[in-house]
Every structure is written in C-alpha cells, then in structure tokens.
Amino acid sequence: MGSITLEKVSKSFGEAAVIPSIDLEIKDGEFVVFVGPSGCGKSTLLRLIAGLEDVTSGKIIIDGKDATDRAPAERGLAMVFQSYALYPHMSVRNNIAFPLKMAGVDKAEIDRKIADAARVLNLTDYLDRKPRQLSGGQRQRVAIGRAIVRQPSAFLFDEPLSNLDAALRVNMRLEISELHQQLKTTMIYVTHDQVEAMTMADKIVVLNRGNIEQVGSPLELYRNPRNLFVAGFIGSPKMNLLTGSAAKAFGAHTIGVRPEHMILSMDSGEWKGQVLVAEHLGADTYLHVDVDGIGSVTARGGGDFPAKAGDMVYLSVDKNRVHKFNEGGLAV
C-alpha cells in the first residue's frame, strides 16, 4: 500500500509561510508529479512528506496511519535526490546494498534483492564497478536501485534528472515511467519541467507560491486549465494569453490560444503580422509573429511551412480551442 493524504498541511520558516495550507490525496500506485516554477514550494512539500522537514500544522497520513510525527525511517518511503549521493569508494553492488546492511538484513536476502533490482534497472553488468566508471544516467539508476531494494510504500523523486544532459533526460524519463509500470508502486516526482510532468504523470499537482493551483491528469490540465497561471504554465511552447480587442471579440477579459491551435497561412487570415523569429524543427515550425494591435503571438505550423524572419503571414484562431478568462484570471 502507498496512499498518502495531506490534511491542511502548512510550513513556515519564521514569519515566511512557504506552504500556507494544503489538502491533497495521493492514491496507492499513482504516479503524481509536483510541478511549478522555482520557489513554488514543491521540494519543501516533498520533504514534508518524507519527514525531512517538520510540518508547522496539519497531518500527513500514510496508508491510513498518522505519520506526521514519525521519523523519516519509520514512514516506509524511499527518496531519490537530485544529486546521486553515491559512496565513491563502494561498488555499485555495495551502494545498492548499503541500506539493507544498515537494517541488518541477512546476506542471502541482500544478494537476492540486489539481483532483482539490477535486472529491473539493467545494472547487472555494472555491479562491480565504482560510480566514477559509470555515466550520469547509470549513476542515477544506482540511486534508484538503492531505493528499490527497500521495497518502500512510495518513491519520492526530487528533480532526479536535473544533472543530466537533454538526451539522457529523455531516456531516464522513459526508464522511470517503465519502472512505475513494473513495480506498480506510488511515486511522487518533483520537477520544474512541465514536459516531464506531462509525459510521466498519472496526476499533476500544479503549485504556485505554496498553493495548489490545480490537480488533474495531464490532458485535463491541458484541455481545461482552471486559471491563467495553469494555462500559461502547462504546454510547450506556452499558451498565447491575449487581452484587448482580441479578447473582447470573444467576450472575455483574456483569451488563451495554444500555438498548435493557431491556423497559419501565407495568403489570408484574421490577423496579419511580421515573423520575428522562425524556428524550423523538422516536423514542426514555430513562428513568433508581431501582430498589429495584439503583440507577439506564437504559432505552430508544419515542418515545411515556408516563412522566415521578416515575412508577412496570416493567423486565424481555431474558435473551438479558445480558453476564456475573467478579470480575476479564472476560466469562464
């Protein structure tokens, strides 16, 4: 079991309230991602769940039992940090075995658990190597292996891919998602990268200044953002948020239109503008267009769309894909 419930959990450092008050339910086996900009409180919230920080008020319930005052080691959770935190003088085998040896597990059981974790993580051929002989992705897998052997109720990941290059991040994203499918264990994953959140999560928790802005599946947040913050944060490239005459035409204070929901043409359309930057990415072309009376608008076209910087283009809005927001920034 790996259900985790937060009841009015808050955290203050002196006078500063980092987490004002949060209620959240994480079901057994879910892959939940905490996402938001730097300083939004996502890592602090993870550390509260892990027991590495004390709550100021509220309750943390793990598997139906109040764990608010339990020590980290008593919560049945395993944390994987941004830094690999491996012992450089130990082999991969001994790094993975370390928490089991500290817990007094017998050698035969340790060997079995190491073999199982190494097989799952494709580390069998590297068990006798030292961390310095491994790539960044392999080191992160060792850190995950050290967590797996503890058979925790839930895994807590604190921005585990931040130290990897772009290609390795993509690979590790896939590996962690596959690991979740194999283990069926609850995972809570912290990242500032909304692409990671969209591609990995069963459920996303969008945080802003310590508050939960919205909770939902990736597609729910993409299709129905609750407010301007979520609308501008979820999606890559980010949603165009337009006010003035463009919004008034739809009867709203602000409208949001995703770049992929703009219709591009070299010949005709609702708005005419000059291309400031053209990003040709192979399958897609992203145009950043200066539209008179509206400002800069980002639009996605096909990979062979011929526009370049300085060209005049036309844009039209897919009216069925427009998001409307009131003066308070809430979806209407």
Foldseek 3Di string as FASTA:
>chain_A
DWKKWWFQWWADDVPRTQARGDTDIDDWLFEEEEAEDPSLCPVVVLCQQLQVDQTPDTFMATPNHTCRPPHNVPRQEAEQEQDLPFDQVQFLLCRLLVVVVVVVHDPVLSVVLLVVLCVLLVCPVRRGPGPVVDDLLVSSSSSVSSRVSSVGQEYEYENNCPVDDPVSSVVVLVSVQVVSVVSSHHYYHYDNDLVSVLVRGQKYFYGGSNDTQDIHHSVCLQQPPFFPVSQQRHDPVGWDKWADPVQVVVPARIKTARQAQKDKFLPDADWKFFFQAWDQDPQKIWTFTQTPPIGTDIHIDGNVPPDGGGGMIYIYGPVVRMWGAHPVGGTD
